[in-house]
C-alpha atoms as a PDB file:
ATOM      1  CA  MET A   1      82.226  85.199  91.412  1.00  0.00           C
ATOM      2  CA  ASP A   2      79.729  82.359  91.058  1.00  0.00           C
ATOM      3  CA  ASN A   3      77.075  83.415  93.589  1.00  0.00           C
ATOM      4  CA  PRO A   4      73.944  85.019  92.103  1.00  0.00           C
ATOM      5  CA  GLY A   5      72.873  86.072  95.608  1.00  0.00           C
ATOM      6  CA  GLY A   6      75.981  88.216  96.093  1.00  0.00           C
ATOM      7  CA  SER A   7      79.491  87.642  97.368  1.00  0.00           C
ATOM      8  CA  LEU A   8      79.694  85.308 100.364  1.00  0.00           C
ATOM      9  CA  THR A   9      83.210  86.478 101.163  1.00  0.00           C
ATOM     10  CA  ALA A  10      81.943  90.080 101.246  1.00  0.00           C
ATOM     11  CA  GLN A  11      79.359  88.955 103.790  1.00  0.00           C
ATOM     12  CA  GLY A  12      82.091  87.265 105.792  1.00  0.00           C
ATOM     13  CA  ALA A  13      84.268  90.389 105.847  1.00  0.00           C
ATOM     14  CA  ALA A  14      81.325  92.519 106.956  1.00  0.00           C
ATOM     15  CA  GLY A  15      80.563  89.982 109.679  1.00  0.00           C
ATOM     16  CA  LEU A  16      84.121  90.204 111.013  1.00  0.00           C
ATOM     17  CA  ARG A  17      83.958  94.006 111.097  1.00  0.00           C
ATOM     18  CA  ALA A  18      80.781  93.612 113.134  1.00  0.00           C
ATOM     19  CA  VAL A  19      82.484  91.106 115.471  1.00  0.00           C
ATOM     20  CA  HIS A  20      85.154  93.741 116.101  1.00  0.00           C
ATOM     21  CA  GLN A  21      82.445  96.175 117.198  1.00  0.00           C
ATOM     22  CA  LEU A  22      80.721  93.626 119.436  1.00  0.00           C
ATOM     23  CA  LEU A  23      83.598  91.778 121.098  1.00  0.00           C
ATOM     24  CA  ASP A  24      86.895  93.655 120.860  1.00  0.00           C
ATOM     25  CA  GLY A  25      88.043  96.359 123.232  1.00  0.00           C
ATOM     26  CA  HIS A  26      88.395 100.115 122.892  1.00  0.00           C
ATOM     27  CA  PRO A  27      89.561 102.048 121.078  1.00  0.00           C
ATOM     28  CA  LYS A  28      88.219 100.263 118.043  1.00  0.00           C
ATOM     29  CA  LEU A  29      90.766  99.782 115.300  1.00  0.00           C
ATOM     30  CA  LEU A  30      87.876 100.574 112.954  1.00  0.00           C
ATOM     31  CA  TYR A  31      84.761 102.236 114.359  1.00  0.00           C
ATOM     32  CA  ASP A  32      82.002 100.743 112.208  1.00  0.00           C
ATOM     33  CA  PRO A  33      78.633 100.476 113.993  1.00  0.00           C
ATOM     34  CA  VAL A  34      76.818 100.322 110.646  1.00  0.00           C
ATOM     35  CA  SER A  35      78.265  96.858 110.011  1.00  0.00           C
ATOM     36  CA  VAL A  36      76.288  95.562 113.001  1.00  0.00           C
ATOM     37  CA  GLN A  37      73.077  97.055 111.631  1.00  0.00           C
ATOM     38  CA  LEU A  38      73.509  95.072 108.412  1.00  0.00           C
ATOM     39  CA  LEU A  39      73.566  91.736 110.235  1.00  0.00           C
ATOM     40  CA  ASP A  40      70.503  89.611 110.850  1.00  0.00           C
ATOM     41  CA  PRO A  41      69.558  89.537 114.571  1.00  0.00           C
ATOM     42  CA  HIS A  42      70.211  85.790 114.830  1.00  0.00           C
ATOM     43  CA  ILE A  43      73.772  86.329 113.560  1.00  0.00           C
ATOM     44  CA  ILE A  44      74.402  88.917 116.269  1.00  0.00           C
ATOM     45  CA  GLU A  45      73.044  86.481 118.858  1.00  0.00           C
ATOM     46  CA  GLN A  46      75.313  83.758 117.492  1.00  0.00           C
ATOM     47  CA  ILE A  47      78.369  86.022 117.772  1.00  0.00           C
ATOM     48  CA  LEU A  48      77.547  86.940 121.348  1.00  0.00           C
ATOM     49  CA  THR A  49      76.934  83.339 122.415  1.00  0.00           C
ATOM     50  CA  GLU A  50      80.023  81.960 120.662  1.00  0.00           C
ATOM     51  CA  ARG A  51      82.557  84.456 121.990  1.00  0.00           C
ATOM     52  CA  GLY A  52      85.086  81.699 122.604  1.00  0.00           C
ATOM     53  CA  PHE A  53      85.295  80.809 118.933  1.00  0.00           C
ATOM     54  CA  TYR A  54      85.951  84.405 117.935  1.00  0.00           C
ATOM     55  CA  ARG A  55      88.727  84.642 120.541  1.00  0.00           C
ATOM     56  CA  GLU A  56      90.685  81.792 118.954  1.00  0.00           C
ATOM     57  CA  PRO A  57      93.915  82.734 117.125  1.00  0.00           C
ATOM     58  CA  GLY A  58      92.627  82.051 113.593  1.00  0.00           C
ATOM     59  CA  PRO A  59      89.434  84.139 113.769  1.00  0.00           C
ATOM     60  CA  MET A  60      91.219  86.905 115.672  1.00  0.00           C
ATOM     61  CA  GLY A  61      94.037  87.104 113.135  1.00  0.00           C
ATOM     62  CA  LEU A  62      91.672  87.240 110.178  1.00  0.00           C
ATOM     63  CA  ARG A  63      89.481  89.829 111.913  1.00  0.00           C
ATOM     64  CA  SER A  64      92.524  91.945 112.669  1.00  0.00           C
ATOM     65  CA  HIS A  65      93.533  91.953 109.001  1.00  0.00           C
ATOM     66  CA  ILE A  66      90.018  92.837 107.827  1.00  0.00           C
ATOM     67  CA  VAL A  67      89.673  95.868 110.109  1.00  0.00           C
ATOM     68  CA  LEU A  68      93.282  96.976 109.629  1.00  0.00           C
ATOM     69  CA  ARG A  69      93.028  97.157 105.850  1.00  0.00           C
ATOM     70  CA  SER A  70      89.911  99.343 106.047  1.00  0.00           C
ATOM     71  CA  ARG A  71      91.421 101.573 108.729  1.00  0.00           C
ATOM     72  CA  TYR A  72      94.624 102.056 106.760  1.00  0.00           C
ATOM     73  CA  ALA A  73      92.727 102.859 103.556  1.00  0.00           C
ATOM     74  CA  GLU A  74      90.534 105.389 105.356  1.00  0.00           C
ATOM     75  CA  ASP A  75      93.526 107.034 106.997  1.00  0.00           C
ATOM     76  CA  ARG A  76      95.195 107.388 103.590  1.00  0.00           C
ATOM     77  CA  LEU A  77      91.912 108.733 102.191  1.00  0.00           C
ATOM     78  CA  ALA A  78      91.897 111.468 104.852  1.00  0.00           C
ATOM     79  CA  GLN A  79      95.430 112.453 103.827  1.00  0.00           C
ATOM     80  CA  ALA A  80      94.416 112.464 100.151  1.00  0.00           C
ATOM     81  CA  TYR A  81      91.426 114.675 100.952  1.00  0.00           C
ATOM     82  CA  ALA A  82      93.727 117.085 102.785  1.00  0.00           C
ATOM     83  CA  ARG A  83      95.826 117.467  99.640  1.00  0.00           C
ATOM     84  CA  GLY A  84      92.757 118.179  97.524  1.00  0.00           C
ATOM     85  CA  ILE A  85      91.358 114.886  96.220  1.00  0.00           C
ATOM     86  CA  ARG A  86      87.573 114.888  96.222  1.00  0.00           C
ATOM     87  CA  GLN A  87      86.694 111.581  94.504  1.00  0.00           C
ATOM     88  CA  TYR A  88      86.729 108.235  96.309  1.00  0.00           C
ATOM     89  CA  LEU A  89      86.326 105.017  94.325  1.00  0.00           C
ATOM     90  CA  LEU A  90      85.853 101.679  96.079  1.00  0.00           C
ATOM     91  CA  LEU A  91      86.620  98.756  93.770  1.00  0.00           C
ATOM     92  CA  GLY A  92      84.879  95.596  94.901  1.00  0.00           C
ATOM     93  CA  ALA A  93      83.143  97.610  97.620  1.00  0.00           C
ATOM     94  CA  GLY A  94      81.206  94.637  98.957  1.00  0.00           C
ATOM     95  CA  LEU A  95      79.426  95.566 102.193  1.00  0.00           C
ATOM     96  CA  ASP A  96      81.852  98.366 103.039  1.00  0.00           C
ATOM     97  CA  THR A  97      80.097 101.032 105.127  1.00  0.00           C
ATOM     98  CA  PHE A  98      82.336 104.097 104.871  1.00  0.00           C
ATOM     99  CA  ALA A  99      79.718 106.000 102.876  1.00  0.00           C
ATOM    100  CA  TRP A 100      77.209 105.542 105.715  1.00  0.00           C
ATOM    101  CA  ARG A 101      79.568 106.778 108.457  1.00  0.00           C
ATOM    102  CA  GLN A 102      81.353 109.605 106.669  1.00  0.00           C
ATOM    103  CA  PRO A 103      83.488 111.627 109.084  1.00  0.00           C
ATOM    104  CA  PRO A 104      82.977 115.372 109.494  1.00  0.00           C
ATOM    105  CA  GLY A 105      85.238 117.586 107.453  1.00  0.00           C
ATOM    106  CA  MET A 106      84.921 115.628 104.210  1.00  0.00           C
ATOM    107  CA  GLU A 107      81.638 117.067 102.985  1.00  0.00           C
ATOM    108  CA  GLU A 108      82.935 117.679  99.443  1.00  0.00           C
ATOM    109  CA  LEU A 109      83.781 114.010  98.884  1.00  0.00           C
ATOM    110  CA  HIS A 110      82.093 112.130  96.016  1.00  0.00           C
ATOM    111  CA  ILE A 111      81.938 108.362  96.596  1.00  0.00           C
ATOM    112  CA  PHE A 112      81.676 105.709  93.891  1.00  0.00           C
ATOM    113  CA  GLU A 113      81.177 102.026  94.723  1.00  0.00           C
ATOM    114  CA  ALA A 114      82.095  99.644  91.893  1.00  0.00           C
ATOM    115  CA  ASP A 115      81.159  95.994  92.309  1.00  0.00           C
ATOM    116  CA  HIS A 116      79.364  93.007  90.809  1.00  0.00           C
ATOM    117  CA  PRO A 117      75.641  93.766  90.300  1.00  0.00           C
ATOM    118  CA  ALA A 118      74.595  90.788  92.470  1.00  0.00           C
ATOM    119  CA  THR A 119      76.669  92.037  95.399  1.00  0.00           C
ATOM    120  CA  GLN A 120      75.339  95.568  94.987  1.00  0.00           C
ATOM    121  CA  LYS A 121      71.786  94.229  95.012  1.00  0.00           C
ATOM    122  CA  GLN A 122      72.559  92.282  98.170  1.00  0.00           C
ATOM    123  CA  LYS A 123      73.926  95.420  99.816  1.00  0.00           C
ATOM    124  CA  MET A 124      70.953  97.586  98.863  1.00  0.00           C
ATOM    125  CA  GLN A 125      68.568  94.977 100.263  1.00  0.00           C
ATOM    126  CA  ARG A 126      70.419  94.869 103.587  1.00  0.00           C
ATOM    127  CA  LEU A 127      70.489  98.654 103.834  1.00  0.00           C
ATOM    128  CA  SER A 128      66.775  98.826 103.066  1.00  0.00           C
ATOM    129  CA  GLN A 129      65.945  96.148 105.652  1.00  0.00           C
ATOM    130  CA  ALA A 130      67.931  98.096 108.241  1.00  0.00           C
ATOM    131  CA  GLY A 131      66.139 101.325 107.346  1.00  0.00           C
ATOM    132  CA  ILE A 132      69.397 103.007 106.319  1.00  0.00           C
ATOM    133  CA  GLU A 133      69.228 105.581 103.527  1.00  0.00           C
ATOM    134  CA  THR A 134      72.031 106.049 101.030  1.00  0.00           C
ATOM    135  CA  PRO A 135      73.694 109.499 101.201  1.00  0.00           C
ATOM    136  CA  GLY A 136      73.323 111.777  98.210  1.00  0.00           C
ATOM    137  CA  ASN A 137      77.056 111.797  97.433  1.00  0.00           C
ATOM    138  CA  VAL A 138      77.164 108.028  96.750  1.00  0.00           C
ATOM    139  CA  ARG A 139      76.948 106.370  93.337  1.00  0.00           C
ATOM    140  CA  PHE A 140      76.859 102.649  92.518  1.00  0.00           C
ATOM    141  CA  VAL A 141      78.805 101.443  89.472  1.00  0.00           C
ATOM    142  CA  PRO A 142      78.009  97.847  88.409  1.00  0.00           C
ATOM    143  CA  ILE A 143      80.936  95.895  86.946  1.00  0.00           C
ATOM    144  CA  ASP A 144      82.253  92.356  86.471  1.00  0.00           C
ATOM    145  CA  PHE A 145      86.028  92.822  86.667  1.00  0.00           C
ATOM    146  CA  GLU A 146      86.727  89.651  84.686  1.00  0.00           C
ATOM    147  CA  THR A 147      84.602  90.554  81.669  1.00  0.00           C
ATOM    148  CA  GLU A 148      84.451  94.368  81.482  1.00  0.00           C
ATOM    149  CA  SER A 149      87.018  97.143  81.569  1.00  0.00           C
ATOM    150  CA  LEU A 150      86.963  99.417  84.581  1.00  0.00           C
ATOM    151  CA  GLU A 151      87.193 102.501  82.399  1.00  0.00           C
ATOM    152  CA  ALA A 152      84.127 101.469  80.396  1.00  0.00           C
ATOM    153  CA  ALA A 153      82.116 100.955  83.579  1.00  0.00           C
ATOM    154  CA  LEU A 154      83.207 104.261  85.092  1.00  0.00           C
ATOM    155  CA  ARG A 155      82.370 106.200  81.948  1.00  0.00           C
ATOM    156  CA  ARG A 156      78.743 105.253  82.604  1.00  0.00           C
ATOM    157  CA  SER A 157      79.005 107.121  85.920  1.00  0.00           C
ATOM    158  CA  ASP A 158      79.684 110.785  86.672  1.00  0.00           C
ATOM    159  CA  LEU A 159      83.165 110.172  88.082  1.00  0.00           C
ATOM    160  CA  ASP A 160      85.458 112.778  86.493  1.00  0.00           C
ATOM    161  CA  LEU A 161      88.456 110.966  85.019  1.00  0.00           C
ATOM    162  CA  THR A 162      90.231 114.288  84.421  1.00  0.00           C
ATOM    163  CA  LEU A 163      90.568 114.857  88.177  1.00  0.00           C
ATOM    164  CA  PRO A 164      92.607 112.873  90.760  1.00  0.00           C
ATOM    165  CA  VAL A 165      90.936 109.912  92.432  1.00  0.00           C
ATOM    166  CA  PHE A 166      91.591 108.008  95.657  1.00  0.00           C
ATOM    167  CA  ILE A 167      90.859 104.295  95.261  1.00  0.00           C
ATOM    168  CA  SER A 168      90.528 101.443  97.719  1.00  0.00           C
ATOM    169  CA  TRP A 169      90.728  97.899  96.392  1.00  0.00           C
ATOM    170  CA  LEU A 170      90.521  95.642  99.412  1.00  0.00           C
ATOM    171  CA  GLY A 171      90.259  91.869  99.487  1.00  0.00           C
ATOM    172  CA  VAL A 172      89.778  91.609  95.715  1.00  0.00           C
ATOM    173  CA  THR A 173      93.000  90.872  93.820  1.00  0.00           C
ATOM    174  CA  VAL A 174      93.308  87.336  95.178  1.00  0.00           C
ATOM    175  CA  TYR A 175      90.038  86.412  93.422  1.00  0.00           C
ATOM    176  CA  LEU A 176      91.118  87.749  90.015  1.00  0.00           C
ATOM    177  CA  THR A 177      93.465  86.561  87.307  1.00  0.00           C
ATOM    178  CA  MET A 178      96.731  88.454  86.898  1.00  0.00           C
ATOM    179  CA  GLU A 179      95.430  89.737  83.566  1.00  0.00           C
ATOM    180  CA  ALA A 180      92.426  91.338  85.274  1.00  0.00           C
ATOM    181  CA  ILE A 181      94.646  92.771  88.022  1.00  0.00           C
ATOM    182  CA  ASP A 182      97.065  94.281  85.504  1.00  0.00           C
ATOM    183  CA  ALA A 183      94.158  95.844  83.625  1.00  0.00           C
ATOM    184  CA  VAL A 184      93.155  97.731  86.769  1.00  0.00           C
ATOM    185  CA  PHE A 185      96.741  98.867  87.398  1.00  0.00           C
ATOM    186  CA  ARG A 186      97.002 100.130  83.823  1.00  0.00           C
ATOM    187  CA  PHE A 187      93.792 102.089  84.263  1.00  0.00           C
ATOM    188  CA  VAL A 188      94.939 103.627  87.552  1.00  0.00           C
ATOM    189  CA  VAL A 189      98.355 104.719  86.247  1.00  0.00           C
ATOM    190  CA  GLY A 190      96.525 106.649  83.522  1.00  0.00           C
ATOM    191  CA  LEU A 191      94.671 108.780  86.083  1.00  0.00           C
ATOM    192  CA  PRO A 192      95.830 112.351  86.850  1.00  0.00           C
ATOM    193  CA  PRO A 193      98.969 112.739  89.021  1.00  0.00           C
ATOM    194  CA  THR A 194      98.555 112.400  92.823  1.00  0.00           C
ATOM    195  CA  SER A 195      95.814 109.804  92.346  1.00  0.00           C
ATOM    196  CA  GLU A 196      96.353 106.995  94.849  1.00  0.00           C
ATOM    197  CA  MET A 197      95.190 103.433  95.386  1.00  0.00           C
ATOM    198  CA  VAL A 198      95.345 101.346  98.562  1.00  0.00           C
ATOM    199  CA  PHE A 199      95.001  97.653  97.792  1.00  0.00           C
ATOM    200  CA  THR A 200      95.610  94.238  99.313  1.00  0.00           C
ATOM    201  CA  PHE A 201      97.307  91.203  97.864  1.00  0.00           C
ATOM    202  CA  ALA A 202      98.021  87.664  99.008  1.00  0.00           C
ATOM    203  CA  GLN A 203     101.614  86.549  99.327  1.00  0.00           C
ATOM    204  CA  LYS A 204     102.607  82.932  98.829  1.00  0.00           C
ATOM    205  CA  ARG A 205     105.890  81.807 100.282  1.00  0.00           C
ATOM    206  CA  PRO A 206     107.763  78.623  99.368  1.00  0.00           C
ATOM    207  CA  GLY A 207     106.291  75.661 101.213  1.00  0.00           C
ATOM    208  CA  ASP A 208     103.015  77.391 102.092  1.00  0.00           C
ATOM    209  CA  ALA A 209     100.060  75.055 102.459  1.00  0.00           C
ATOM    210  CA  MET A 210      96.667  76.175 101.233  1.00  0.00           C
ATOM    211  CA  ARG A 211      95.386  78.648 103.820  1.00  0.00           C
ATOM    212  CA  PRO A 212      92.169  77.942 105.747  1.00  0.00           C
ATOM    213  CA  THR A 213      90.752  81.247 104.473  1.00  0.00           C
ATOM    214  CA  ALA A 214      91.418  80.191 100.880  1.00  0.00           C
ATOM    215  CA  ILE A 215      89.798  76.804 101.484  1.00  0.00           C
ATOM    216  CA  ARG A 216      86.654  78.449 102.855  1.00  0.00           C
ATOM    217  CA  ALA A 217      86.532  80.918  99.958  1.00  0.00           C
ATOM    218  CA  ALA A 218      86.800  78.105  97.422  1.00  0.00           C
ATOM    219  CA  GLY A 219      83.965  76.306  99.182  1.00  0.00           C
ATOM    220  CA  ALA A 220      81.878  79.463  98.854  1.00  0.00           C
ATOM    221  CA  GLY A 221      82.420  79.516  95.081  1.00  0.00           C
ATOM    222  CA  GLU A 222      85.060  82.273  95.207  1.00  0.00           C
ATOM    223  CA  PRO A 223      88.449  80.525  94.862  1.00  0.00           C
ATOM    224  CA  TRP A 224      91.751  82.331  95.311  1.00  0.00           C
ATOM    225  CA  LYS A 225      93.465  82.687  91.942  1.00  0.00           C
ATOM    226  CA  THR A 226      96.496  84.950  92.283  1.00  0.00           C
ATOM    227  CA  TYR A 227      99.370  85.332  94.723  1.00  0.00           C
ATOM    228  CA  ILE A 228     101.876  88.177  94.368  1.00  0.00           C
ATOM    229  CA  ARG A 229     105.394  88.586  95.733  1.00  0.00           C
ATOM    230  CA  PRO A 230     106.130  92.152  96.976  1.00  0.00           C
ATOM    231  CA  GLU A 231     109.393  92.396  95.048  1.00  0.00           C
ATOM    232  CA  GLU A 232     107.674  91.406  91.805  1.00  0.00           C
ATOM    233  CA  LEU A 233     104.907  93.886  92.525  1.00  0.00           C
ATOM    234  CA  GLY A 234     107.396  96.725  92.975  1.00  0.00           C
ATOM    235  CA  TRP A 235     109.132  95.925  89.706  1.00  0.00           C
ATOM    236  CA  LYS A 236     105.844  95.625  87.812  1.00  0.00           C
ATOM    237  CA  LEU A 237     104.366  98.906  89.043  1.00  0.00           C
ATOM    238  CA  ALA A 238     107.576 100.871  88.527  1.00  0.00           C
ATOM    239  CA  LYS A 239     107.710  99.598  84.954  1.00  0.00           C
ATOM    240  CA  MET A 240     104.090 100.652  84.432  1.00  0.00           C
ATOM    241  CA  GLY A 241     104.971 104.202  85.487  1.00  0.00           C
ATOM    242  CA  PHE A 242     103.721 104.609  89.054  1.00  0.00           C
ATOM    243  CA  SER A 243     105.721 107.164  91.040  1.00  0.00           C
ATOM    244  CA  SER A 244     105.800 105.200  94.287  1.00  0.00           C
ATOM    245  CA  LEU A 245     104.733 101.977  95.965  1.00  0.00           C
ATOM    246  CA  TYR A 246     104.621 101.468  99.720  1.00  0.00           C
ATOM    247  CA  VAL A 247     103.881  98.096 101.306  1.00  0.00           C
ATOM    248  CA  LEU A 248     102.825  98.568 104.936  1.00  0.00           C
ATOM    249  CA  PRO A 249     105.432  96.810 107.121  1.00  0.00           C
ATOM    250  CA  PRO A 250     104.047  94.707 110.011  1.00  0.00           C
ATOM    251  CA  GLU A 251     106.182  96.609 112.525  1.00  0.00           C
ATOM    252  CA  GLU A 252     104.769  99.964 111.381  1.00  0.00           C
ATOM    253  CA  ALA A 253     101.211  98.641 111.520  1.00  0.00           C
ATOM    254  CA  ARG A 254     101.903  97.358 115.030  1.00  0.00           C
ATOM    255  CA  GLU A 255     103.224 100.730 116.187  1.00  0.00           C
ATOM    256  CA  LEU A 256     100.474 102.782 114.555  1.00  0.00           C
ATOM    257  CA  TYR A 257      97.431 100.725 115.455  1.00  0.00           C
ATOM    258  CA  TYR A 258      98.123  98.115 118.127  1.00  0.00           C
ATOM    259  CA  THR A 259     100.247  99.852 120.764  1.00  0.00           C
ATOM    260  CA  GLY A 260      98.596  99.638 124.157  1.00  0.00           C
ATOM    261  CA  ARG A 261      95.798  97.275 123.156  1.00  0.00           C
ATOM    262  CA  GLU A 262      94.707  94.970 125.961  1.00  0.00           C
ATOM    263  CA  ASP A 263      92.134  92.828 124.145  1.00  0.00           C
ATOM    264  CA  GLY A 264      94.616  90.446 122.537  1.00  0.00           C
ATOM    265  CA  LEU A 265      93.866  91.541 118.984  1.00  0.00           C
ATOM    266  CA  PRO A 266      97.047  90.442 117.199  1.00  0.00           C
ATOM    267  CA  PRO A 267      99.121  92.703 114.947  1.00  0.00           C
ATOM    268  CA  PRO A 268      99.554  91.386 111.387  1.00  0.00           C
ATOM    269  CA  GLN A 269     102.423  89.074 110.546  1.00  0.00           C
ATOM    270  CA  GLY A 270     102.363  90.006 106.867  1.00  0.00           C
ATOM    271  CA  ALA A 271      99.157  91.757 105.894  1.00  0.00           C
ATOM    272  CA  GLY A 272      99.833  92.460 102.199  1.00  0.00           C
ATOM    273  CA  ILE A 273      98.470  96.022 102.334  1.00  0.00           C
ATOM    274  CA  ALA A 274      99.969  98.517  99.905  1.00  0.00           C
ATOM    275  CA  SER A 275      99.601 102.074  98.644  1.00  0.00           C
ATOM    276  CA  VAL A 276     100.579 103.151  95.133  1.00  0.00           C
ATOM    277  CA  ILE A 277     100.620 106.743  93.853  1.00  0.00           C
ATOM    278  CA  VAL A 278     100.449 107.946  90.267  1.00  0.00           C
END
């Protein structure tokens, strides 16, 4: 990342979660009122006055992916909590707001947000400006994924590496080199059994042109670096020693989250959302 003021793509993702709260119908795919509180008032006004833009196919498709990946990760987290996992690690947390809207029944959860120091500073400033206090079960772990090992960063925190961990790694791998991605996978597979990670990846098919989202990210100083084919991913992770990999099929996502919607929010065509278990 080359933005000393914090990740611009993290701001964009948070903005789209807020657009979902402001413009899309009920039930919300992801109920996230805190995301609206983190926006400047003039941004909210802009969203409300430019509804037509946000109803176009491109913005709606991207927004759908952004909220779906968070919803899926949080649903898997709830299942992990039910089987006894009490540590939640968000890699590249950005402006994610789960910690500030924790659902009842998960009071024993310990939350760790790992991200670039500039993005964490940006987040803390927005929370402070909104008058939102950070819950006592949240810890911030500064890290630059390209220059520092995840294990080294986490050992500076009080995350217990001898106990299972649930990890979300959303919207990050595309900005990293394959070497940095593999380093994270190698760390995760060394965690205690039943640990799980939900992550996203970008797929590139033969003949694909550069995507508008990738063009915008490059213009923001955060170029896409790595595309991954699902079949190669499965082979790689099996060889590393993971017990299972599940890539969320579009038809399952459609059935689980989009059945009966009347607001036109489109189901994903190929979201690149996966879960891997140690």
